[in-house]
Amino acid sequence: MKQYLSMKNLLSRRAPNPDRAEAGFTLMETLVALVILTFGLLAAGQMMYLAM
């Protein structure tokens, strides 16, 4: 049967274990990736503009 989110389920969740390996990306990794993506998209847009 499907479990629905209830206050009981939300409150009974455990906090993440600090001894466990890190999961997910840090804020700095995300910001660096966005900066690289932005410069790449700007460069691609400029090349498309110059090709016209």
PDB file of N, CA and C in Angstrom:
ATOM      1  N   MET A   1       0.841  -1.182   0.000  1.00  0.00           N
ATOM      2  CA  MET A   1       0.000   0.000   0.000  1.00  0.00           C
ATOM      3  C   MET A   1       0.886   1.245   0.000  1.00  0.00           C
ATOM      4  N   LYS A   2       0.460   2.246  -0.685  1.00  0.00           N
ATOM      5  CA  LYS A   2       1.239   3.474  -0.823  1.00  0.00           C
ATOM      6  C   LYS A   2       1.244   4.254   0.491  1.00  0.00           C
ATOM      7  N   GLN A   3       2.448   4.687   0.900  1.00  0.00           N
ATOM      8  CA  GLN A   3       2.550   5.494   2.115  1.00  0.00           C
ATOM      9  C   GLN A   3       2.428   6.963   1.759  1.00  0.00           C
ATOM     10  N   TYR A   4       1.582   7.651   2.467  1.00  0.00           N
ATOM     11  CA  TYR A   4       1.415   9.077   2.247  1.00  0.00           C
ATOM     12  C   TYR A   4       2.218   9.841   3.290  1.00  0.00           C
ATOM     13  N   LEU A   5       2.666  11.037   2.919  1.00  0.00           N
ATOM     14  CA  LEU A   5       3.408  11.864   3.862  1.00  0.00           C
ATOM     15  C   LEU A   5       2.459  12.401   4.926  1.00  0.00           C
ATOM     16  N   SER A   6       2.756  12.078   6.142  1.00  0.00           N
ATOM     17  CA  SER A   6       1.978  12.600   7.253  1.00  0.00           C
ATOM     18  C   SER A   6       2.948  13.212   8.256  1.00  0.00           C
ATOM     19  N   MET A   7       2.422  13.930   9.214  1.00  0.00           N
ATOM     20  CA  MET A   7       3.286  14.531  10.227  1.00  0.00           C
ATOM     21  C   MET A   7       4.046  13.450  10.983  1.00  0.00           C
ATOM     22  N   LYS A   8       3.400  12.314  11.232  1.00  0.00           N
ATOM     23  CA  LYS A   8       4.060  11.226  11.952  1.00  0.00           C
ATOM     24  C   LYS A   8       5.250  10.708  11.151  1.00  0.00           C
ATOM     25  N   ASN A   9       5.072  10.515   9.843  1.00  0.00           N
ATOM     26  CA  ASN A   9       6.166  10.036   9.003  1.00  0.00           C
ATOM     27  C   ASN A   9       7.279  11.072   8.912  1.00  0.00           C
ATOM     28  N   LEU A  10       6.918  12.347   8.805  1.00  0.00           N
ATOM     29  CA  LEU A  10       7.933  13.391   8.691  1.00  0.00           C
ATOM     30  C   LEU A  10       8.749  13.529   9.973  1.00  0.00           C
ATOM     31  N   LEU A  11       8.090  13.413  11.114  1.00  0.00           N
ATOM     32  CA  LEU A  11       8.788  13.578  12.385  1.00  0.00           C
ATOM     33  C   LEU A  11       9.602  12.351  12.762  1.00  0.00           C
ATOM     34  N   SER A  12       9.234  11.181  12.237  1.00  0.00           N
ATOM     35  CA  SER A  12       9.945   9.964  12.612  1.00  0.00           C
ATOM     36  C   SER A  12      11.176   9.718  11.752  1.00  0.00           C
ATOM     37  N   ARG A  13      11.401  10.546  10.745  1.00  0.00           N
ATOM     38  CA  ARG A  13      12.592  10.369   9.913  1.00  0.00           C
ATOM     39  C   ARG A  13      13.835  10.698  10.720  1.00  0.00           C
ATOM     40  N   ARG A  14      14.885   9.938  10.468  1.00  0.00           N
ATOM     41  CA  ARG A  14      16.132  10.156  11.193  1.00  0.00           C
ATOM     42  C   ARG A  14      16.991  11.199  10.493  1.00  0.00           C
ATOM     43  N   ALA A  15      17.820  11.852  11.277  1.00  0.00           N
ATOM     44  CA  ALA A  15      18.791  12.792  10.711  1.00  0.00           C
ATOM     45  C   ALA A  15      19.870  11.981   9.994  1.00  0.00           C
ATOM     46  N   PRO A  16      20.498  12.543   8.975  1.00  0.00           N
ATOM     47  CA  PRO A  16      21.545  11.803   8.266  1.00  0.00           C
ATOM     48  C   PRO A  16      22.715  11.474   9.183  1.00  0.00           C
ATOM     49  N   ASN A  17      23.313  10.337   8.943  1.00  0.00           N
ATOM     50  CA  ASN A  17      24.437   9.872   9.752  1.00  0.00           C
ATOM     51  C   ASN A  17      25.711  10.592   9.310  1.00  0.00           C
ATOM     52  N   PRO A  18      26.370  11.326  10.198  1.00  0.00           N
ATOM     53  CA  PRO A  18      27.578  12.067   9.789  1.00  0.00           C
ATOM     54  C   PRO A  18      28.749  11.153   9.440  1.00  0.00           C
ATOM     55  N   ASP A  19      28.734   9.896   9.904  1.00  0.00           N
ATOM     56  CA  ASP A  19      29.819   8.966   9.598  1.00  0.00           C
ATOM     57  C   ASP A  19      29.718   8.421   8.179  1.00  0.00           C
ATOM     58  N   ARG A  20      28.557   8.539   7.586  1.00  0.00           N
ATOM     59  CA  ARG A  20      28.345   8.010   6.242  1.00  0.00           C
ATOM     60  C   ARG A  20      29.040   8.895   5.213  1.00  0.00           C
ATOM     61  N   ALA A  21      29.375   8.332   4.076  1.00  0.00           N
ATOM     62  CA  ALA A  21      30.006   9.114   3.003  1.00  0.00           C
ATOM     63  C   ALA A  21      29.060  10.227   2.556  1.00  0.00           C
ATOM     64  N   GLU A  22      29.643  11.320   2.084  1.00  0.00           N
ATOM     65  CA  GLU A  22      28.829  12.454   1.641  1.00  0.00           C
ATOM     66  C   GLU A  22      27.970  12.058   0.452  1.00  0.00           C
ATOM     67  N   ALA A  23      26.773  12.580   0.423  1.00  0.00           N
ATOM     68  CA  ALA A  23      25.877  12.327  -0.698  1.00  0.00           C
ATOM     69  C   ALA A  23      25.439  13.668  -1.257  1.00  0.00           C
ATOM     70  N   GLY A  24      25.432  13.804  -2.576  1.00  0.00           N
ATOM     71  CA  GLY A  24      24.994  15.043  -3.197  1.00  0.00           C
ATOM     72  C   GLY A  24      26.150  15.993  -3.460  1.00  0.00           C
ATOM     73  N   PHE A  25      25.794  17.171  -3.942  1.00  0.00           N
ATOM     74  CA  PHE A  25      26.786  18.169  -4.316  1.00  0.00           C
ATOM     75  C   PHE A  25      26.807  19.288  -3.292  1.00  0.00           C
ATOM     76  N   THR A  26      27.982  19.895  -3.118  1.00  0.00           N
ATOM     77  CA  THR A  26      28.076  21.050  -2.227  1.00  0.00           C
ATOM     78  C   THR A  26      27.644  22.297  -2.994  1.00  0.00           C
ATOM     79  N   LEU A  27      27.442  23.374  -2.265  1.00  0.00           N
ATOM     80  CA  LEU A  27      27.032  24.629  -2.884  1.00  0.00           C
ATOM     81  C   LEU A  27      28.107  25.139  -3.838  1.00  0.00           C
ATOM     82  N   MET A  28      29.367  25.031  -3.444  1.00  0.00           N
ATOM     83  CA  MET A  28      30.456  25.516  -4.301  1.00  0.00           C
ATOM     84  C   MET A  28      30.548  24.713  -5.595  1.00  0.00           C
ATOM     85  N   GLU A  29      30.387  23.404  -5.520  1.00  0.00           N
ATOM     86  CA  GLU A  29      30.422  22.584  -6.733  1.00  0.00           C
ATOM     87  C   GLU A  29      29.302  22.985  -7.687  1.00  0.00           C
ATOM     88  N   THR A  30      28.137  23.255  -7.129  1.00  0.00           N
ATOM     89  CA  THR A  30      27.000  23.661  -7.955  1.00  0.00           C
ATOM     90  C   THR A  30      27.250  25.017  -8.600  1.00  0.00           C
ATOM     91  N   LEU A  31      27.788  25.973  -7.843  1.00  0.00           N
ATOM     92  CA  LEU A  31      28.059  27.304  -8.388  1.00  0.00           C
ATOM     93  C   LEU A  31      29.126  27.257  -9.477  1.00  0.00           C
ATOM     94  N   VAL A  32      30.168  26.463  -9.275  1.00  0.00           N
ATOM     95  CA  VAL A  32      31.213  26.335 -10.292  1.00  0.00           C
ATOM     96  C   VAL A  32      30.636  25.727 -11.560  1.00  0.00           C
ATOM     97  N   ALA A  33      29.798  24.709 -11.413  1.00  0.00           N
ATOM     98  CA  ALA A  33      29.177  24.088 -12.580  1.00  0.00           C
ATOM     99  C   ALA A  33      28.291  25.082 -13.325  1.00  0.00           C
ATOM    100  N   LEU A  34      27.558  25.924 -12.592  1.00  0.00           N
ATOM    101  CA  LEU A  34      26.702  26.922 -13.240  1.00  0.00           C
ATOM    102  C   LEU A  34      27.524  27.977 -13.975  1.00  0.00           C
ATOM    103  N   VAL A  35      28.645  28.382 -13.400  1.00  0.00           N
ATOM    104  CA  VAL A  35      29.511  29.368 -14.063  1.00  0.00           C
ATOM    105  C   VAL A  35      30.076  28.786 -15.352  1.00  0.00           C
ATOM    106  N   ILE A  36      30.548  27.544 -15.299  1.00  0.00           N
ATOM    107  CA  ILE A  36      31.087  26.896 -16.499  1.00  0.00           C
ATOM    108  C   ILE A  36      30.001  26.750 -17.560  1.00  0.00           C
ATOM    109  N   LEU A  37      28.811  26.347 -17.144  1.00  0.00           N
ATOM    110  CA  LEU A  37      27.694  26.212 -18.085  1.00  0.00           C
ATOM    111  C   LEU A  37      27.347  27.558 -18.708  1.00  0.00           C
ATOM    112  N   THR A  38      27.342  28.626 -17.906  1.00  0.00           N
ATOM    113  CA  THR A  38      27.017  29.961 -18.411  1.00  0.00           C
ATOM    114  C   THR A  38      28.015  30.412 -19.468  1.00  0.00           C
ATOM    115  N   PHE A  39      29.317  30.256 -19.185  1.00  0.00           N
ATOM    116  CA  PHE A  39      30.320  30.654 -20.168  1.00  0.00           C
ATOM    117  C   PHE A  39      30.220  29.810 -21.433  1.00  0.00           C
ATOM    118  N   GLY A  40      29.938  28.534 -21.290  1.00  0.00           N
ATOM    119  CA  GLY A  40      29.777  27.674 -22.460  1.00  0.00           C
ATOM    120  C   GLY A  40      28.600  28.090 -23.319  1.00  0.00           C
ATOM    121  N   LEU A  41      27.482  28.407 -22.680  1.00  0.00           N
ATOM    122  CA  LEU A  41      26.303  28.835 -23.436  1.00  0.00           C
ATOM    123  C   LEU A  41      26.521  30.190 -24.096  1.00  0.00           C
ATOM    124  N   LEU A  42      27.193  31.101 -23.395  1.00  0.00           N
ATOM    125  CA  LEU A  42      27.493  32.401 -23.998  1.00  0.00           C
ATOM    126  C   LEU A  42      28.417  32.248 -25.199  1.00  0.00           C
ATOM    127  N   ALA A  43      29.416  31.381 -25.091  1.00  0.00           N
ATOM    128  CA  ALA A  43      30.333  31.156 -26.207  1.00  0.00           C
ATOM    129  C   ALA A  43      29.601  30.531 -27.389  1.00  0.00           C
ATOM    130  N   ALA A  44      28.731  29.571 -27.122  1.00  0.00           N
ATOM    131  CA  ALA A  44      27.973  28.940 -28.202  1.00  0.00           C
ATOM    132  C   ALA A  44      27.037  29.951 -28.864  1.00  0.00           C
ATOM    133  N   GLY A  45      26.409  30.798 -28.068  1.00  0.00           N
ATOM    134  CA  GLY A  45      25.536  31.822 -28.623  1.00  0.00           C
ATOM    135  C   GLY A  45      26.292  32.825 -29.464  1.00  0.00           C
ATOM    136  N   GLN A  46      27.484  33.195 -29.024  1.00  0.00           N
ATOM    137  CA  GLN A  46      28.295  34.140 -29.793  1.00  0.00           C
ATOM    138  C   GLN A  46      28.728  33.522 -31.121  1.00  0.00           C
ATOM    139  N   MET A  47      29.093  32.244 -31.097  1.00  0.00           N
ATOM    140  CA  MET A  47      29.486  31.584 -32.349  1.00  0.00           C
ATOM    141  C   MET A  47      28.310  31.503 -33.320  1.00  0.00           C
ATOM    142  N   MET A  48      27.116  31.239 -32.786  1.00  0.00           N
ATOM    143  CA  MET A  48      25.935  31.184 -33.652  1.00  0.00           C
ATOM    144  C   MET A  48      25.638  32.569 -34.229  1.00  0.00           C
ATOM    145  N   TYR A  49      25.804  33.614 -33.400  1.00  0.00           N
ATOM    146  CA  TYR A  49      25.559  34.974 -33.862  1.00  0.00           C
ATOM    147  C   TYR A  49      26.555  35.364 -34.951  1.00  0.00           C
ATOM    148  N   LEU A  50      27.822  35.026 -34.773  1.00  0.00           N
ATOM    149  CA  LEU A  50      28.845  35.372 -35.760  1.00  0.00           C
ATOM    150  C   LEU A  50      28.697  34.562 -37.044  1.00  0.00           C
ATOM    151  N   ALA A  51      28.091  33.399 -36.964  1.00  0.00           N
ATOM    152  CA  ALA A  51      27.928  32.557 -38.148  1.00  0.00           C
ATOM    153  C   ALA A  51      26.819  33.079 -39.062  1.00  0.00           C
ATOM    154  N   MET A  52      25.994  33.975 -38.571  1.00  0.00           N
ATOM    155  CA  MET A  52      24.880  34.485 -39.382  1.00  0.00           C
ATOM    156  C   MET A  52      25.370  35.471 -40.415  1.00  0.00           C
TER     157      MET A  52
END
